[in-house]
Amino acid sequence: MDSIPCYSFGGMTTKWARSLPIVFLFCTSIFSQAKVVEVPFEFYKNELFAEVMIDGKGPFMMMLDTGTDPSAIDLATAETIGIKRSAKGVAASGGGTDKNLAFKCKLKNVELGDLKAGTIAAGAIDLSKLSDRIGKHIDGIIGYSLFKGRIVQFDYPHSVVRCYDSAPEYGAGATTLKFRYNDNVLLDDVWVNGTQVVGSLDTGSSGAVQLSPKGVSRLGLADAAAKGEVRTSMGYNGSFENRSGKLASVKIGGLTVNDVDVLYFPPGSGHDKAPWDINIGNVFMQKYVVTIDYRAKTVTFER
C-alpha cells in the first residue's frame, strides 16, 4: 500500500445514465435568493467532503467529485433511508480490476448547505472498500447530476464550495479555458512536457496528476512508467497497482507547473477507454480557486 495513498474515485459512469428520462438527467436550477451559496467542505486526505441532506434525512457525508456521472449513494446508506433502486445493476466504469454493480436510483430533495437541488439521478453502489481505504465512512458522492447547469467554484485555500447564479468576476491573473463534457470535464488546451494532450479535471482524485495508458503511449513514457515505484490506488472497482514518477511540466491554458508528481495507470486498471490522457487531481488544484461554469463550459484557475 502507498505511503501516500491515491484514491482514484473519478470516472464512474453507467450505461443507463444516458437513457434516463430528462427529468433525471437535468438537475433543477434552484438557488437561494443570494447571488452565491457557500458551503464548507472538509479537505481530508486530499478529498473533498461535505454534509448533504436527502429528503429531510441526514446529514450524510458525501464526496464532491466532478468525475462521477451521475452521482452515487452507498448501498447500505440507500437501504437505511429507504431509497428504491433498480432490480438489475450495471457495471460501473472507473479504476480497479474487480466489478462493482451500480443500481439506478433517485436522490430526492437533495440539499447541499442552502442549495436545494431537488431530485437528482444517482447509482446505488457499494462504497465500503473506498471508505475503508480512505479511513472515513462515505455515504455517497455528489457528481455531475447536481453540478450540471450550475456555476460551481471549488475554493481549495478556504475549503468552501460555492454555487453562483451568474458568473463571478475573476482577477487579472486568472486563467480561463473552454472545456467539453464526455463523462468528464475535458480540456484540450493542456500540454505535458511540450506535447498537447487531453486533460480531465477531477475533484475526486486525491493525487496530483495521472496518465492513462493512452497518455503514457502518446507521450512516449512507457520506459519511465515501467521503472517507477509501485503504488496502489483505489477506484470504484477495487484496488489496482500503478507506478509513480515525475513530469517535467504540465501546462493548462496560461498556467504552467514544473516537476509534477505523476501516477502511470497501466493497461487493465480500468482506464484503457478513458477519454483523457492526463487526469488532474486535488493535489494539483489545491493552491487554486477553481471555477467550473457548466453553462458556459469554461474552467477558471485563480491563485
Protein backbone atom coordinates (compact mmCIF):
# COMPACT_ATOMS: atom_id res chain seq x y z
CA MET A 1 0.00 0.00 0.00
CA ASP A 2 1.12 3.54 -0.69
CA SER A 3 2.79 5.59 1.94
CA ILE A 4 0.88 8.42 0.27
CA PRO A 5 -2.35 6.75 -0.91
CA CYS A 6 -4.02 7.89 -4.09
CA TYR A 7 -7.77 7.46 -4.26
CA SER A 8 -8.88 7.48 -7.86
CA PHE A 9 -12.64 7.77 -7.49
CA GLY A 10 -13.39 9.77 -10.59
CA GLY A 11 -14.97 8.40 -13.72
CA MET A 12 -17.89 6.29 -12.55
CA THR A 13 -20.39 6.11 -15.36
CA THR A 14 -23.10 3.58 -16.03
CA LYS A 15 -24.69 2.50 -19.28
CA TRP A 16 -28.14 3.55 -18.09
CA ALA A 17 -27.18 7.14 -17.30
CA ARG A 18 -27.70 8.46 -20.81
CA SER A 19 -31.06 6.66 -21.22
CA LEU A 20 -32.68 8.21 -18.14
CA PRO A 21 -35.67 10.49 -18.63
CA ILE A 22 -34.68 14.14 -18.98
CA VAL A 23 -36.15 14.96 -15.60
CA PHE A 24 -33.44 12.80 -14.02
CA LEU A 25 -30.51 13.95 -16.14
CA PHE A 26 -31.10 17.66 -15.84
CA CYS A 27 -30.83 18.76 -12.24
CA THR A 28 -33.08 21.59 -11.17
CA SER A 29 -31.52 25.04 -11.14
CA ILE A 30 -32.77 26.30 -7.80
CA PHE A 31 -30.55 28.74 -5.95
CA SER A 32 -31.11 30.73 -2.80
CA GLN A 33 -32.05 34.39 -3.11
CA ALA A 34 -28.42 35.37 -2.58
CA LYS A 35 -26.05 35.65 -5.51
CA VAL A 36 -23.94 32.80 -4.18
CA VAL A 37 -24.46 29.77 -1.97
CA GLU A 38 -21.33 28.92 0.01
CA VAL A 39 -20.83 25.54 1.69
CA PRO A 40 -17.76 24.46 3.70
CA PHE A 41 -16.03 21.22 2.81
CA GLU A 42 -13.51 19.11 4.69
CA PHE A 43 -10.29 18.52 2.78
CA TYR A 44 -9.46 15.10 4.18
CA LYS A 45 -6.62 13.04 2.68
CA ASN A 46 -6.81 15.24 -0.39
CA GLU A 47 -10.50 14.58 -0.95
CA LEU A 48 -13.46 16.98 -0.65
CA PHE A 49 -16.22 16.03 1.80
CA ALA A 50 -19.42 17.94 2.56
CA GLU A 51 -22.58 17.23 4.52
CA VAL A 52 -25.67 16.59 2.41
CA MET A 53 -29.32 16.19 3.32
CA ILE A 54 -31.50 13.75 1.35
CA ASP A 55 -35.29 14.03 1.58
CA GLY A 56 -35.02 15.62 5.02
CA LYS A 57 -32.72 12.90 6.37
CA GLY A 58 -29.08 13.22 7.33
CA PRO A 59 -26.68 14.87 7.25
CA PHE A 60 -24.75 12.39 5.15
CA MET A 61 -21.02 12.63 4.47
CA MET A 62 -20.52 12.78 0.72
CA MET A 63 -17.59 13.43 -1.57
CA LEU A 64 -17.67 16.16 -4.20
CA ASP A 65 -16.47 14.58 -7.43
CA THR A 66 -16.60 16.17 -10.87
CA GLY A 67 -15.52 12.80 -12.33
CA THR A 68 -18.63 10.89 -11.23
CA ASP A 69 -21.64 10.74 -13.54
CA PRO A 70 -24.39 10.88 -12.44
CA SER A 71 -23.91 10.77 -8.59
CA ALA A 72 -23.63 7.85 -6.17
CA ILE A 73 -25.09 6.61 -2.90
CA ASP A 74 -23.66 3.79 -0.83
CA LEU A 75 -25.82 0.66 -0.97
CA ALA A 76 -26.03 0.40 2.83
CA THR A 77 -26.98 4.07 3.19
CA ALA A 78 -29.60 3.73 0.45
CA GLU A 79 -31.15 0.77 2.25
CA THR A 80 -31.11 2.55 5.60
CA ILE A 81 -33.06 5.57 4.34
CA GLY A 82 -35.36 3.59 2.05
CA ILE A 83 -34.13 4.68 -1.38
CA LYS A 84 -35.68 2.48 -4.07
CA ARG A 85 -33.32 1.17 -6.70
CA SER A 86 -33.49 -0.83 -9.91
CA ALA A 87 -33.57 -4.59 -9.62
CA LYS A 88 -30.73 -5.06 -12.08
CA GLY A 89 -27.34 -3.44 -11.72
CA VAL A 90 -24.87 -2.48 -14.43
CA ALA A 91 -21.09 -2.45 -14.25
CA ALA A 92 -19.61 0.86 -13.13
CA SER A 93 -16.60 2.14 -15.04
CA GLY A 94 -13.56 3.56 -13.33
CA GLY A 95 -10.39 2.35 -11.65
CA GLY A 96 -9.97 -1.17 -10.31
CA THR A 97 -9.77 -4.74 -11.55
CA ASP A 98 -12.96 -6.06 -9.92
CA LYS A 99 -16.56 -5.49 -10.99
CA ASN A 100 -18.84 -3.27 -8.91
CA LEU A 101 -22.51 -3.00 -9.87
CA ALA A 102 -24.47 0.25 -9.77
CA PHE A 103 -28.24 0.29 -9.43
CA LYS A 104 -30.27 3.15 -10.85
CA CYS A 105 -31.97 5.30 -8.22
CA LYS A 106 -33.06 8.85 -7.42
CA LEU A 107 -32.00 11.06 -4.53
CA LYS A 108 -34.95 13.24 -3.57
CA ASN A 109 -34.83 16.74 -2.11
CA VAL A 110 -31.04 16.96 -2.06
CA GLU A 111 -29.67 19.88 -0.03
CA LEU A 112 -26.03 20.96 -0.08
CA GLY A 113 -26.00 23.69 2.53
CA ASP A 114 -28.54 26.27 1.37
CA LEU A 115 -28.53 24.89 -2.16
CA LYS A 116 -31.77 22.99 -2.73
CA ALA A 117 -31.08 20.77 -5.72
CA GLY A 118 -34.36 18.87 -5.87
CA THR A 119 -34.25 15.32 -7.24
CA ILE A 120 -31.03 14.11 -8.87
CA ALA A 121 -30.06 10.87 -10.59
CA ALA A 122 -27.67 8.50 -8.85
CA GLY A 123 -26.32 5.00 -8.78
CA ALA A 124 -26.55 2.90 -5.62
CA ILE A 125 -23.17 1.17 -5.33
CA ASP A 126 -21.04 -0.50 -2.67
CA LEU A 127 -18.62 2.15 -1.38
CA SER A 128 -17.34 0.16 1.60
CA LYS A 129 -13.90 -0.53 0.10
CA LEU A 130 -13.43 3.14 -0.67
CA SER A 131 -14.46 4.03 2.88
CA ASP A 132 -12.01 1.51 4.33
CA ARG A 133 -9.16 2.76 2.16
CA ILE A 134 -9.63 6.43 2.96
CA GLY A 135 -10.43 5.84 6.64
CA LYS A 136 -13.72 7.73 6.62
CA HIS A 137 -17.27 6.50 6.06
CA ILE A 138 -18.57 7.64 2.69
CA ASP A 139 -22.37 7.79 2.36
CA GLY A 140 -22.26 8.88 -1.24
CA ILE A 141 -20.72 11.01 -3.94
CA ILE A 142 -22.13 14.21 -5.40
CA GLY A 143 -21.34 14.33 -9.09
CA TYR A 144 -22.50 15.59 -12.45
CA SER A 145 -26.23 15.18 -11.85
CA LEU A 146 -26.02 18.02 -9.31
CA PHE A 147 -23.25 20.09 -10.91
CA LYS A 148 -24.75 20.14 -14.40
CA GLY A 149 -26.21 23.51 -15.36
CA ARG A 150 -24.53 25.28 -12.46
CA ILE A 151 -21.54 27.52 -11.87
CA VAL A 152 -19.52 25.69 -9.22
CA GLN A 153 -16.43 27.10 -7.55
CA PHE A 154 -14.01 24.99 -5.50
CA ASP A 155 -12.05 27.33 -3.24
CA TYR A 156 -9.33 25.00 -2.01
CA PRO A 157 -7.40 27.53 0.14
CA HIS A 158 -10.56 28.38 2.12
CA SER A 159 -12.17 24.90 1.97
CA VAL A 160 -15.51 26.08 0.59
CA VAL A 161 -17.55 25.24 -2.49
CA ARG A 162 -19.73 27.97 -3.99
CA CYS A 163 -22.64 27.85 -6.42
CA TYR A 164 -23.24 31.09 -8.31
CA ASP A 165 -26.40 32.18 -10.11
CA SER A 166 -24.27 34.24 -12.51
CA ALA A 167 -20.62 34.15 -13.48
CA PRO A 168 -18.33 35.67 -10.80
CA GLU A 169 -15.66 38.24 -11.56
CA TYR A 170 -12.12 36.97 -11.92
CA GLY A 171 -8.82 38.67 -11.13
CA ALA A 172 -6.33 39.85 -13.73
CA GLY A 173 -4.13 36.79 -13.22
CA ALA A 174 -6.87 34.22 -13.74
CA THR A 175 -6.58 31.55 -16.42
CA THR A 176 -9.82 30.63 -18.21
CA LEU A 177 -10.18 27.92 -20.83
CA LYS A 178 -13.01 26.08 -22.54
CA PHE A 179 -13.98 22.51 -21.76
CA ARG A 180 -16.16 19.86 -23.35
CA TYR A 181 -18.02 17.17 -21.48
CA ASN A 182 -17.78 13.43 -22.11
CA ASP A 183 -18.42 11.77 -18.74
CA ASN A 184 -15.58 14.05 -17.58
CA VAL A 185 -14.66 17.74 -17.71
CA LEU A 186 -12.27 17.54 -20.67
CA LEU A 187 -9.71 20.22 -21.51
CA ASP A 188 -7.95 20.37 -24.87
CA ASP A 189 -5.56 23.22 -24.03
CA VAL A 190 -3.31 21.01 -21.91
CA TRP A 191 0.36 20.30 -22.59
CA VAL A 192 2.65 17.76 -20.92
CA ASN A 193 6.39 18.05 -21.50
CA GLY A 194 5.62 20.23 -24.51
CA THR A 195 3.13 17.81 -26.11
CA GLN A 196 -0.56 18.65 -26.39
CA VAL A 197 -2.85 16.14 -24.67
CA VAL A 198 -6.46 15.84 -23.47
CA GLY A 199 -6.87 16.63 -19.79
CA SER A 200 -9.61 15.70 -17.33
CA LEU A 201 -10.41 17.89 -14.32
CA ASP A 202 -11.25 15.56 -11.42
CA THR A 203 -12.09 16.70 -7.88
CA GLY A 204 -12.49 13.02 -6.97
CA SER A 205 -8.80 12.27 -7.44
CA SER A 206 -6.52 12.71 -4.45
CA GLY A 207 -3.31 12.75 -6.48
CA ALA A 208 -1.57 15.46 -8.49
CA VAL A 209 -1.93 14.02 -11.99
CA GLN A 210 -2.32 10.57 -13.52
CA LEU A 211 -1.67 9.36 -17.05
CA SER A 212 -3.95 6.86 -18.76
CA PRO A 213 -2.38 4.03 -20.78
CA LYS A 214 -3.17 6.06 -23.91
CA GLY A 215 -1.47 9.11 -22.38
CA VAL A 216 1.65 7.12 -21.48
CA SER A 217 1.87 5.91 -25.06
CA ARG A 218 1.22 9.33 -26.61
CA LEU A 219 3.94 10.94 -24.50
CA GLY A 220 6.48 8.18 -25.10
CA LEU A 221 6.79 7.45 -21.38
CA ALA A 222 6.49 3.65 -21.41
CA ASP A 223 10.05 3.20 -20.10
CA ALA A 224 9.55 5.76 -17.32
CA ALA A 225 6.26 4.12 -16.38
CA ALA A 226 7.87 0.70 -16.20
CA LYS A 227 10.67 1.92 -13.91
CA GLY A 228 8.55 3.92 -11.47
CA GLU A 229 7.94 2.97 -7.85
CA VAL A 230 4.93 0.68 -7.40
CA ARG A 231 1.92 2.34 -5.80
CA THR A 232 -1.65 1.25 -5.09
CA SER A 233 -4.77 3.20 -6.00
CA MET A 234 -8.44 2.60 -5.31
CA GLY A 235 -11.35 3.12 -7.68
CA TYR A 236 -15.00 2.16 -7.93
CA ASN A 237 -13.95 -1.34 -8.98
CA GLY A 238 -11.42 -2.00 -6.25
CA SER A 239 -7.66 -1.54 -5.94
CA PHE A 240 -5.03 -1.65 -8.65
CA GLU A 241 -1.29 -1.14 -8.92
CA ASN A 242 0.39 1.66 -10.81
CA ARG A 243 3.77 3.37 -10.81
CA SER A 244 4.89 6.83 -9.80
CA GLY A 245 7.21 9.32 -11.40
CA LYS A 246 7.73 12.96 -12.37
CA LEU A 247 6.66 15.09 -15.31
CA ALA A 248 8.91 17.95 -16.33
CA SER A 249 5.99 20.31 -16.94
CA VAL A 250 2.20 20.49 -17.10
CA LYS A 251 0.64 23.48 -18.86
CA ILE A 252 -3.10 24.23 -18.58
CA GLY A 253 -4.06 27.25 -20.63
CA GLY A 254 -1.78 30.03 -19.37
CA LEU A 255 -0.84 28.12 -16.20
CA THR A 256 2.44 26.15 -16.12
CA VAL A 257 3.67 23.94 -13.27
CA ASN A 258 7.05 22.19 -13.35
CA ASP A 259 8.30 18.98 -11.73
CA VAL A 260 4.85 17.43 -11.20
CA ASP A 261 4.25 14.13 -9.39
CA VAL A 262 2.51 11.62 -11.65
CA LEU A 263 1.00 8.15 -11.43
CA TYR A 264 1.15 6.00 -14.55
CA PHE A 265 -2.02 3.90 -14.89
CA PRO A 266 -1.24 0.58 -16.60
CA PRO A 267 -3.40 -1.30 -19.10
CA GLY A 268 -6.13 -3.36 -17.44
CA SER A 269 -6.54 -0.99 -14.48
CA GLY A 270 -9.90 0.35 -15.65
CA HIS A 271 -8.60 3.33 -17.64
CA ASP A 272 -7.96 1.81 -21.06
CA LYS A 273 -11.01 3.53 -22.58
CA ALA A 274 -10.60 6.83 -20.72
CA PRO A 275 -11.31 9.83 -22.98
CA TRP A 276 -8.37 11.69 -21.40
CA ASP A 277 -4.58 11.38 -21.46
CA ILE A 278 -3.92 13.16 -18.15
CA ASN A 279 -6.20 13.34 -15.13
CA ILE A 280 -5.75 16.47 -12.97
CA GLY A 281 -6.46 15.91 -9.29
CA ASN A 282 -6.72 17.73 -5.99
CA VAL A 283 -3.02 17.89 -5.11
CA PHE A 284 -2.50 19.88 -8.32
CA MET A 285 -5.56 22.11 -7.75
CA GLN A 286 -5.22 22.70 -4.01
CA LYS A 287 -3.39 26.03 -4.39
CA TYR A 288 -6.13 27.48 -6.58
CA VAL A 289 -9.70 28.65 -6.65
CA VAL A 290 -11.16 26.55 -9.47
CA THR A 291 -14.46 27.61 -11.05
CA ILE A 292 -16.29 25.24 -13.39
CA ASP A 293 -19.02 27.02 -15.32
CA TYR A 294 -21.15 24.18 -16.64
CA ARG A 295 -23.33 26.67 -18.51
CA ALA A 296 -20.61 28.44 -20.49
CA LYS A 297 -18.38 25.34 -20.43
CA THR A 298 -15.37 27.16 -19.04
CA VAL A 299 -12.87 26.41 -16.28
CA THR A 300 -11.04 29.21 -14.47
CA PHE A 301 -7.97 28.85 -12.25
CA GLU A 302 -7.12 31.65 -9.78
CA ARG A 303 -4.37 31.83 -7.22
